[in-house]
């Protein structure tokens, strides 16, 4: 599978490590060149430096051919926007977002927000 991991901090790096171990084609995207260098020292991944919530950055990461995107940056809003772009612009079939803010996950709203036709996220990672 071709998978884009958005966020190269500890969570993103560990996810990328497991995906590479499982023989996936992984591209990791982050704004921090130093985090990307660190990941590239230990993993065979393509890395792109830039904001994942920008269409041209996702395009450069290969979004048009990706099977999955996993947005695990430290910013919930960026992860949500990244998944929306992945869905609407690039038609990436599987979209995963890390959401830390409990207000987004309130049962009163979550079933109305994170569904097909609204905020199209297929799975939520919540610490």
Foldseek 3Di string as FASTA:
>chain_A
DEEEEEALPPVSLVVQVVCVVVVYAYEYEEQDPVSVVVSVVPDDHHYFHDQLLDLVSCVVSPLLPAQEYAYEHPDQVSLLSNQVCSCPVRNRPAYEYEDADCVCVPPVPVVVADPPPHSPHPYYHYD
